[in-house]
Amino acid sequence: MRTKNKTVATWLAFLGGPLGLHRFYLHGLGDTLGWLHPLPTALGLWGVERMNALGQDDMLSWLLIPLLGLTVAVTCLTAIVYALTDAARWNQRHQPQTPDSPAGRTNGLTIVAVALALLTGAGSLMASLAFSFQHYFEYQVEEARKISQ
């Protein structure tokens, strides 16, 4: 069984999380959740393409774009959780045959990944919420305007 390095898993969750790369690294190619990660990512990217092609009034893109932002935010949170996991617990979970493995230790690269994941995840979450609420309230105002006329 391979050693699962905490820093590598953290960076994979941060950089390749929307594609499920961290899940494949930790659990292998047979991981169902890893294969499900690209679905909301692809739908969100399709929403961005629809908005570029059809404009901001496309209601389907209003639903699809936040999927991308939420997927990025969740995988950034996953990177933070991986990085902040205690070395003993990491080794117990991912390499129980070698409980004193240095692969579960935190180093400077892990801390950099936490800082970047925190910035990216928070920004992505806030942007998704702002986008969703803006379009929801614009839709409500437009519907109220139609009723009042």
N, C-alpha and C. Protein backbone atom coordinates (compact mmCIF):
# COMPACT_ATOMS: atom_id res chain seq x y z
N MET A 1 0.84 -1.18 0.00
CA MET A 1 0.00 0.00 0.00
C MET A 1 0.89 1.25 0.00
N ARG A 2 0.51 2.24 -0.82
CA ARG A 2 1.29 3.47 -0.94
C ARG A 2 1.10 4.36 0.27
N THR A 3 2.11 5.19 0.53
CA THR A 3 2.00 6.21 1.57
C THR A 3 1.18 7.36 1.02
N LYS A 4 0.24 7.84 1.81
CA LYS A 4 -0.62 8.96 1.42
C LYS A 4 -0.14 10.21 2.15
N ASN A 5 0.51 11.09 1.43
CA ASN A 5 1.08 12.30 2.01
C ASN A 5 0.01 13.37 2.20
N LYS A 6 -0.04 13.94 3.41
CA LYS A 6 -1.06 14.94 3.74
C LYS A 6 -0.90 16.20 2.90
N THR A 7 0.32 16.63 2.66
CA THR A 7 0.55 17.84 1.87
C THR A 7 0.11 17.64 0.43
N VAL A 8 0.40 16.50 -0.14
CA VAL A 8 -0.02 16.20 -1.51
C VAL A 8 -1.54 16.16 -1.60
N ALA A 9 -2.19 15.52 -0.64
CA ALA A 9 -3.65 15.45 -0.63
C ALA A 9 -4.26 16.84 -0.49
N THR A 10 -3.65 17.68 0.33
CA THR A 10 -4.14 19.04 0.52
C THR A 10 -4.05 19.83 -0.78
N TRP A 11 -2.92 19.77 -1.44
CA TRP A 11 -2.75 20.50 -2.70
C TRP A 11 -3.66 19.95 -3.80
N LEU A 12 -3.84 18.63 -3.83
CA LEU A 12 -4.75 18.06 -4.82
C LEU A 12 -6.19 18.49 -4.58
N ALA A 13 -6.58 18.58 -3.30
CA ALA A 13 -7.94 19.05 -2.99
C ALA A 13 -8.09 20.51 -3.38
N PHE A 14 -7.04 21.31 -3.16
CA PHE A 14 -7.12 22.73 -3.50
C PHE A 14 -7.10 22.96 -5.01
N LEU A 15 -6.16 22.36 -5.70
CA LEU A 15 -5.99 22.61 -7.14
C LEU A 15 -6.88 21.74 -8.03
N GLY A 16 -7.07 20.49 -7.65
CA GLY A 16 -7.82 19.57 -8.50
C GLY A 16 -9.07 19.03 -7.85
N GLY A 17 -9.49 19.66 -6.77
CA GLY A 17 -10.67 19.19 -6.05
C GLY A 17 -11.93 19.12 -6.87
N PRO A 18 -12.23 20.14 -7.70
CA PRO A 18 -13.45 20.06 -8.50
C PRO A 18 -13.46 18.89 -9.49
N LEU A 19 -12.31 18.30 -9.74
CA LEU A 19 -12.24 17.12 -10.61
C LEU A 19 -12.13 15.83 -9.81
N GLY A 20 -12.06 15.92 -8.49
CA GLY A 20 -11.99 14.75 -7.63
C GLY A 20 -10.61 14.15 -7.49
N LEU A 21 -9.56 14.87 -7.86
CA LEU A 21 -8.21 14.31 -7.84
C LEU A 21 -7.77 13.87 -6.44
N HIS A 22 -8.17 14.62 -5.42
CA HIS A 22 -7.80 14.27 -4.05
C HIS A 22 -8.45 12.95 -3.63
N ARG A 23 -9.68 12.72 -4.07
CA ARG A 23 -10.36 11.47 -3.74
C ARG A 23 -9.68 10.28 -4.42
N PHE A 24 -9.27 10.46 -5.67
CA PHE A 24 -8.57 9.38 -6.37
C PHE A 24 -7.22 9.09 -5.73
N TYR A 25 -6.54 10.14 -5.28
CA TYR A 25 -5.24 9.96 -4.62
C TYR A 25 -5.41 9.15 -3.33
N LEU A 26 -6.42 9.49 -2.54
CA LEU A 26 -6.58 8.84 -1.24
C LEU A 26 -7.31 7.51 -1.31
N HIS A 27 -8.28 7.36 -2.21
CA HIS A 27 -9.13 6.17 -2.20
C HIS A 27 -9.06 5.34 -3.47
N GLY A 28 -8.30 5.77 -4.47
CA GLY A 28 -8.16 5.01 -5.70
C GLY A 28 -9.20 5.38 -6.74
N LEU A 29 -9.04 4.84 -7.94
CA LEU A 29 -9.91 5.17 -9.05
C LEU A 29 -11.31 4.60 -8.92
N GLY A 30 -11.52 3.70 -7.98
CA GLY A 30 -12.84 3.12 -7.78
C GLY A 30 -13.73 3.95 -6.87
N ASP A 31 -13.29 5.12 -6.46
CA ASP A 31 -14.04 5.95 -5.53
C ASP A 31 -15.21 6.63 -6.23
N THR A 32 -16.43 6.32 -5.82
CA THR A 32 -17.63 6.87 -6.46
C THR A 32 -17.72 8.37 -6.27
N LEU A 33 -17.44 8.87 -5.07
CA LEU A 33 -17.50 10.31 -4.84
C LEU A 33 -16.49 11.07 -5.69
N GLY A 34 -15.35 10.48 -5.93
CA GLY A 34 -14.37 11.11 -6.80
C GLY A 34 -14.90 11.28 -8.21
N TRP A 35 -15.63 10.29 -8.70
CA TRP A 35 -16.19 10.37 -10.04
C TRP A 35 -17.38 11.32 -10.11
N LEU A 36 -18.02 11.62 -8.98
CA LEU A 36 -19.14 12.55 -8.97
C LEU A 36 -18.70 14.02 -8.92
N HIS A 37 -17.48 14.30 -8.48
CA HIS A 37 -16.99 15.68 -8.37
C HIS A 37 -17.03 16.45 -9.69
N PRO A 38 -16.65 15.85 -10.82
CA PRO A 38 -16.66 16.64 -12.06
C PRO A 38 -18.04 17.05 -12.56
N LEU A 39 -19.09 16.36 -12.10
CA LEU A 39 -20.44 16.67 -12.60
C LEU A 39 -20.88 18.10 -12.27
N PRO A 40 -20.90 18.54 -11.00
CA PRO A 40 -21.30 19.92 -10.75
C PRO A 40 -20.31 20.94 -11.33
N THR A 41 -19.05 20.55 -11.42
CA THR A 41 -18.06 21.44 -12.03
C THR A 41 -18.38 21.67 -13.50
N ALA A 42 -18.67 20.60 -14.22
CA ALA A 42 -19.01 20.72 -15.64
C ALA A 42 -20.31 21.48 -15.83
N LEU A 43 -21.31 21.23 -14.99
CA LEU A 43 -22.57 21.96 -15.09
C LEU A 43 -22.36 23.45 -14.84
N GLY A 44 -21.53 23.78 -13.85
CA GLY A 44 -21.23 25.19 -13.58
C GLY A 44 -20.51 25.86 -14.74
N LEU A 45 -19.56 25.17 -15.33
CA LEU A 45 -18.86 25.72 -16.49
C LEU A 45 -19.81 25.88 -17.67
N TRP A 46 -20.74 24.96 -17.83
CA TRP A 46 -21.75 25.08 -18.87
C TRP A 46 -22.62 26.31 -18.61
N GLY A 47 -22.94 26.57 -17.35
CA GLY A 47 -23.69 27.77 -17.00
C GLY A 47 -22.95 29.04 -17.37
N VAL A 48 -21.64 29.05 -17.14
CA VAL A 48 -20.83 30.21 -17.52
C VAL A 48 -20.86 30.40 -19.04
N GLU A 49 -20.73 29.30 -19.78
CA GLU A 49 -20.78 29.37 -21.24
C GLU A 49 -22.15 29.87 -21.72
N ARG A 50 -23.22 29.38 -21.08
CA ARG A 50 -24.57 29.83 -21.45
C ARG A 50 -24.73 31.32 -21.21
N MET A 51 -24.20 31.79 -20.08
CA MET A 51 -24.33 33.21 -19.77
C MET A 51 -23.52 34.05 -20.77
N ASN A 52 -22.35 33.57 -21.15
CA ASN A 52 -21.56 34.29 -22.15
C ASN A 52 -22.28 34.33 -23.50
N ALA A 53 -22.95 33.25 -23.85
CA ALA A 53 -23.62 33.18 -25.14
C ALA A 53 -25.00 33.85 -25.15
N LEU A 54 -25.76 33.68 -24.06
CA LEU A 54 -27.15 34.13 -24.05
C LEU A 54 -27.39 35.38 -23.21
N GLY A 55 -26.41 35.79 -22.44
CA GLY A 55 -26.57 36.98 -21.62
C GLY A 55 -27.02 36.66 -20.20
N GLN A 56 -27.15 37.71 -19.41
CA GLN A 56 -27.46 37.53 -17.99
C GLN A 56 -28.91 37.16 -17.71
N ASP A 57 -29.77 37.22 -18.70
CA ASP A 57 -31.18 36.91 -18.48
C ASP A 57 -31.49 35.43 -18.59
N ASP A 58 -30.50 34.60 -18.88
CA ASP A 58 -30.72 33.17 -18.99
C ASP A 58 -30.90 32.57 -17.60
N MET A 59 -32.12 32.11 -17.31
CA MET A 59 -32.43 31.62 -15.96
C MET A 59 -31.71 30.31 -15.64
N LEU A 60 -31.48 29.45 -16.63
CA LEU A 60 -30.78 28.20 -16.35
C LEU A 60 -29.36 28.47 -15.87
N SER A 61 -28.71 29.47 -16.45
CA SER A 61 -27.35 29.78 -16.00
C SER A 61 -27.35 30.30 -14.57
N TRP A 62 -28.45 30.91 -14.14
CA TRP A 62 -28.55 31.36 -12.74
C TRP A 62 -28.45 30.18 -11.79
N LEU A 63 -28.97 29.05 -12.21
CA LEU A 63 -28.94 27.86 -11.36
C LEU A 63 -27.62 27.10 -11.48
N LEU A 64 -27.01 27.16 -12.66
CA LEU A 64 -25.82 26.34 -12.90
C LEU A 64 -24.53 26.97 -12.39
N ILE A 65 -24.39 28.27 -12.54
CA ILE A 65 -23.13 28.93 -12.15
C ILE A 65 -22.81 28.76 -10.67
N PRO A 66 -23.78 28.89 -9.76
CA PRO A 66 -23.45 28.68 -8.35
C PRO A 66 -22.95 27.27 -8.03
N LEU A 67 -23.30 26.27 -8.85
CA LEU A 67 -22.76 24.93 -8.64
C LEU A 67 -21.24 24.92 -8.73
N LEU A 68 -20.71 25.66 -9.68
CA LEU A 68 -19.26 25.75 -9.81
C LEU A 68 -18.63 26.40 -8.59
N GLY A 69 -19.20 27.52 -8.17
CA GLY A 69 -18.66 28.21 -7.00
C GLY A 69 -18.74 27.39 -5.73
N LEU A 70 -19.85 26.70 -5.55
CA LEU A 70 -20.00 25.87 -4.35
C LEU A 70 -19.08 24.66 -4.38
N THR A 71 -18.86 24.10 -5.56
CA THR A 71 -17.93 22.98 -5.67
C THR A 71 -16.51 23.41 -5.31
N VAL A 72 -16.11 24.58 -5.80
CA VAL A 72 -14.79 25.11 -5.46
C VAL A 72 -14.69 25.38 -3.96
N ALA A 73 -15.73 25.97 -3.38
CA ALA A 73 -15.72 26.27 -1.95
C ALA A 73 -15.64 24.99 -1.11
N VAL A 74 -16.39 23.97 -1.49
CA VAL A 74 -16.37 22.72 -0.73
C VAL A 74 -15.02 22.02 -0.82
N THR A 75 -14.43 22.02 -2.00
CA THR A 75 -13.13 21.36 -2.13
C THR A 75 -12.03 22.16 -1.44
N CYS A 76 -12.17 23.47 -1.37
CA CYS A 76 -11.22 24.27 -0.59
C CYS A 76 -11.36 23.95 0.90
N LEU A 77 -12.59 23.78 1.35
CA LEU A 77 -12.81 23.38 2.74
C LEU A 77 -12.21 22.00 3.01
N THR A 78 -12.34 21.11 2.06
CA THR A 78 -11.73 19.78 2.18
C THR A 78 -10.22 19.90 2.31
N ALA A 79 -9.61 20.77 1.53
CA ALA A 79 -8.16 20.98 1.62
C ALA A 79 -7.78 21.49 3.01
N ILE A 80 -8.57 22.40 3.55
CA ILE A 80 -8.29 22.92 4.89
C ILE A 80 -8.41 21.82 5.94
N VAL A 81 -9.45 21.00 5.83
CA VAL A 81 -9.63 19.90 6.78
C VAL A 81 -8.47 18.92 6.69
N TYR A 82 -8.06 18.57 5.49
CA TYR A 82 -6.91 17.68 5.33
C TYR A 82 -5.67 18.27 6.00
N ALA A 83 -5.41 19.53 5.74
CA ALA A 83 -4.19 20.15 6.25
C ALA A 83 -4.19 20.26 7.78
N LEU A 84 -5.35 20.47 8.36
CA LEU A 84 -5.43 20.65 9.81
C LEU A 84 -5.62 19.35 10.58
N THR A 85 -5.68 18.23 9.87
CA THR A 85 -5.79 16.94 10.54
C THR A 85 -4.48 16.61 11.25
N ASP A 86 -4.59 16.17 12.48
CA ASP A 86 -3.42 15.78 13.28
C ASP A 86 -2.67 14.63 12.58
N ALA A 87 -1.36 14.64 12.71
CA ALA A 87 -0.53 13.63 12.04
C ALA A 87 -0.90 12.21 12.47
N ALA A 88 -1.14 12.01 13.76
CA ALA A 88 -1.48 10.67 14.23
C ALA A 88 -2.81 10.21 13.63
N ARG A 89 -3.77 11.11 13.58
CA ARG A 89 -5.08 10.75 13.01
C ARG A 89 -4.97 10.51 11.50
N TRP A 90 -4.18 11.34 10.80
CA TRP A 90 -3.97 11.16 9.37
C TRP A 90 -3.37 9.78 9.09
N ASN A 91 -2.32 9.45 9.83
CA ASN A 91 -1.66 8.16 9.63
C ASN A 91 -2.58 7.00 9.99
N GLN A 92 -3.39 7.17 11.04
CA GLN A 92 -4.32 6.12 11.43
C GLN A 92 -5.35 5.87 10.32
N ARG A 93 -5.81 6.94 9.70
CA ARG A 93 -6.85 6.82 8.67
C ARG A 93 -6.29 6.37 7.33
N HIS A 94 -5.12 6.89 6.93
CA HIS A 94 -4.65 6.67 5.57
C HIS A 94 -3.45 5.73 5.44
N GLN A 95 -2.76 5.45 6.52
CA GLN A 95 -1.70 4.44 6.49
C GLN A 95 -1.56 3.80 7.87
N PRO A 96 -2.53 2.99 8.23
CA PRO A 96 -2.52 2.38 9.57
C PRO A 96 -1.35 1.41 9.78
N GLN A 97 -0.74 0.91 8.71
CA GLN A 97 0.39 0.00 8.85
C GLN A 97 1.65 0.71 9.33
N THR A 98 1.74 2.05 9.13
CA THR A 98 2.89 2.83 9.59
C THR A 98 2.40 4.05 10.37
N PRO A 99 2.04 3.87 11.64
CA PRO A 99 1.45 4.97 12.41
C PRO A 99 2.39 6.15 12.67
N ASP A 100 3.70 5.93 12.55
CA ASP A 100 4.66 7.03 12.79
C ASP A 100 5.21 7.61 11.49
N SER A 101 4.51 7.42 10.40
CA SER A 101 4.98 7.88 9.10
C SER A 101 5.08 9.41 9.05
N PRO A 102 6.16 9.92 8.45
CA PRO A 102 6.27 11.38 8.30
C PRO A 102 5.30 11.95 7.26
N ALA A 103 4.61 11.10 6.52
CA ALA A 103 3.68 11.56 5.49
C ALA A 103 2.50 12.32 6.08
N GLY A 104 2.20 12.11 7.35
CA GLY A 104 1.07 12.79 7.97
C GLY A 104 1.43 14.11 8.63
N ARG A 105 2.69 14.48 8.56
CA ARG A 105 3.12 15.72 9.22
C ARG A 105 2.82 16.94 8.37
N THR A 106 2.66 18.06 9.05
CA THR A 106 2.42 19.35 8.40
C THR A 106 3.75 20.04 8.14
N ASN A 107 3.87 20.68 6.98
CA ASN A 107 5.08 21.46 6.69
C ASN A 107 4.66 22.81 6.10
N GLY A 108 5.61 23.58 5.67
CA GLY A 108 5.34 24.92 5.15
C GLY A 108 4.43 24.93 3.92
N LEU A 109 4.61 23.95 3.04
CA LEU A 109 3.75 23.86 1.86
C LEU A 109 2.29 23.58 2.23
N THR A 110 2.10 22.84 3.30
CA THR A 110 0.74 22.56 3.76
C THR A 110 0.09 23.85 4.25
N ILE A 111 0.84 24.66 4.97
CA ILE A 111 0.31 25.92 5.51
C ILE A 111 -0.02 26.88 4.37
N VAL A 112 0.83 26.93 3.35
CA VAL A 112 0.55 27.79 2.19
C VAL A 112 -0.74 27.34 1.51
N ALA A 113 -0.93 26.03 1.39
CA ALA A 113 -2.16 25.51 0.78
C ALA A 113 -3.38 25.90 1.60
N VAL A 114 -3.27 25.87 2.93
CA VAL A 114 -4.39 26.27 3.79
C VAL A 114 -4.74 27.73 3.56
N ALA A 115 -3.73 28.58 3.52
CA ALA A 115 -3.99 30.02 3.33
C ALA A 115 -4.65 30.28 1.97
N LEU A 116 -4.14 29.66 0.93
CA LEU A 116 -4.72 29.86 -0.41
C LEU A 116 -6.12 29.26 -0.51
N ALA A 117 -6.32 28.10 0.12
CA ALA A 117 -7.65 27.48 0.10
C ALA A 117 -8.65 28.33 0.86
N LEU A 118 -8.23 28.92 1.95
CA LEU A 118 -9.13 29.79 2.71
C LEU A 118 -9.53 31.01 1.89
N LEU A 119 -8.56 31.65 1.25
CA LEU A 119 -8.86 32.81 0.42
C LEU A 119 -9.75 32.45 -0.77
N THR A 120 -9.40 31.40 -1.47
CA THR A 120 -10.15 31.00 -2.66
C THR A 120 -11.54 30.50 -2.31
N GLY A 121 -11.63 29.67 -1.28
CA GLY A 121 -12.91 29.11 -0.89
C GLY A 121 -13.88 30.18 -0.40
N ALA A 122 -13.39 31.09 0.44
CA ALA A 122 -14.25 32.16 0.94
C ALA A 122 -14.70 33.07 -0.21
N GLY A 123 -13.78 33.41 -1.09
CA GLY A 123 -14.14 34.24 -2.24
C GLY A 123 -15.14 33.57 -3.15
N SER A 124 -14.95 32.30 -3.39
CA SER A 124 -15.86 31.55 -4.25
C SER A 124 -17.25 31.44 -3.62
N LEU A 125 -17.30 31.17 -2.33
CA LEU A 125 -18.58 31.07 -1.65
C LEU A 125 -19.32 32.40 -1.65
N MET A 126 -18.62 33.47 -1.34
CA MET A 126 -19.25 34.79 -1.31
C MET A 126 -19.72 35.20 -2.71
N ALA A 127 -18.93 34.94 -3.72
CA ALA A 127 -19.33 35.28 -5.09
C ALA A 127 -20.55 34.48 -5.51
N SER A 128 -20.60 33.20 -5.16
CA SER A 128 -21.76 32.37 -5.51
C SER A 128 -23.02 32.86 -4.82
N LEU A 129 -22.91 33.19 -3.55
CA LEU A 129 -24.07 33.71 -2.82
C LEU A 129 -24.53 35.05 -3.39
N ALA A 130 -23.59 35.94 -3.65
CA ALA A 130 -23.96 37.26 -4.19
C ALA A 130 -24.62 37.12 -5.56
N PHE A 131 -24.07 36.27 -6.41
CA PHE A 131 -24.64 36.04 -7.73
C PHE A 131 -26.06 35.49 -7.63
N SER A 132 -26.24 34.49 -6.77
CA SER A 132 -27.55 33.86 -6.63
C SER A 132 -28.58 34.84 -6.08
N PHE A 133 -28.23 35.55 -5.02
CA PHE A 133 -29.18 36.48 -4.42
C PHE A 133 -29.51 37.64 -5.35
N GLN A 134 -28.52 38.15 -6.06
CA GLN A 134 -28.77 39.25 -6.98
C GLN A 134 -29.78 38.83 -8.04
N HIS A 135 -29.55 37.68 -8.66
CA HIS A 135 -30.46 37.25 -9.72
C HIS A 135 -31.83 36.85 -9.18
N TYR A 136 -31.87 36.30 -8.00
CA TYR A 136 -33.16 35.95 -7.41
C TYR A 136 -33.99 37.22 -7.16
N PHE A 137 -33.38 38.22 -6.56
CA PHE A 137 -34.13 39.44 -6.25
C PHE A 137 -34.47 40.23 -7.52
N GLU A 138 -33.60 40.21 -8.52
CA GLU A 138 -33.95 40.84 -9.79
C GLU A 138 -35.16 40.16 -10.42
N TYR A 139 -35.21 38.85 -10.33
CA TYR A 139 -36.34 38.10 -10.85
C TYR A 139 -37.61 38.45 -10.09
N GLN A 140 -37.51 38.54 -8.77
CA GLN A 140 -38.68 38.89 -7.95
C GLN A 140 -39.20 40.29 -8.29
N VAL A 141 -38.30 41.23 -8.47
CA VAL A 141 -38.70 42.60 -8.82
C VAL A 141 -39.38 42.61 -10.18
N GLU A 142 -38.84 41.89 -11.13
CA GLU A 142 -39.43 41.83 -12.48
C GLU A 142 -40.82 41.20 -12.44
N GLU A 143 -40.98 40.14 -11.68
CA GLU A 143 -42.29 39.50 -11.56
C GLU A 143 -43.29 40.44 -10.88
N ALA A 144 -42.87 41.16 -9.87
CA ALA A 144 -43.74 42.11 -9.19
C ALA A 144 -44.15 43.23 -10.14
N ARG A 145 -43.21 43.65 -10.97
CA ARG A 145 -43.50 44.71 -11.96
C ARG A 145 -44.55 44.21 -12.97
N LYS A 146 -44.45 42.94 -13.37
CA LYS A 146 -45.42 42.38 -14.32
C LYS A 146 -46.81 42.33 -13.69
N ILE A 147 -46.88 41.95 -12.42
CA ILE A 147 -48.17 41.84 -11.73
C ILE A 147 -48.81 43.21 -11.56
N SER A 148 -48.01 44.22 -11.27
CA SER A 148 -48.54 45.54 -10.99
C SER A 148 -49.01 46.28 -12.23
N GLN A 149 -48.69 45.80 -13.40
CA GLN A 149 -49.08 46.50 -14.63
C GLN A 149 -50.38 46.02 -15.18
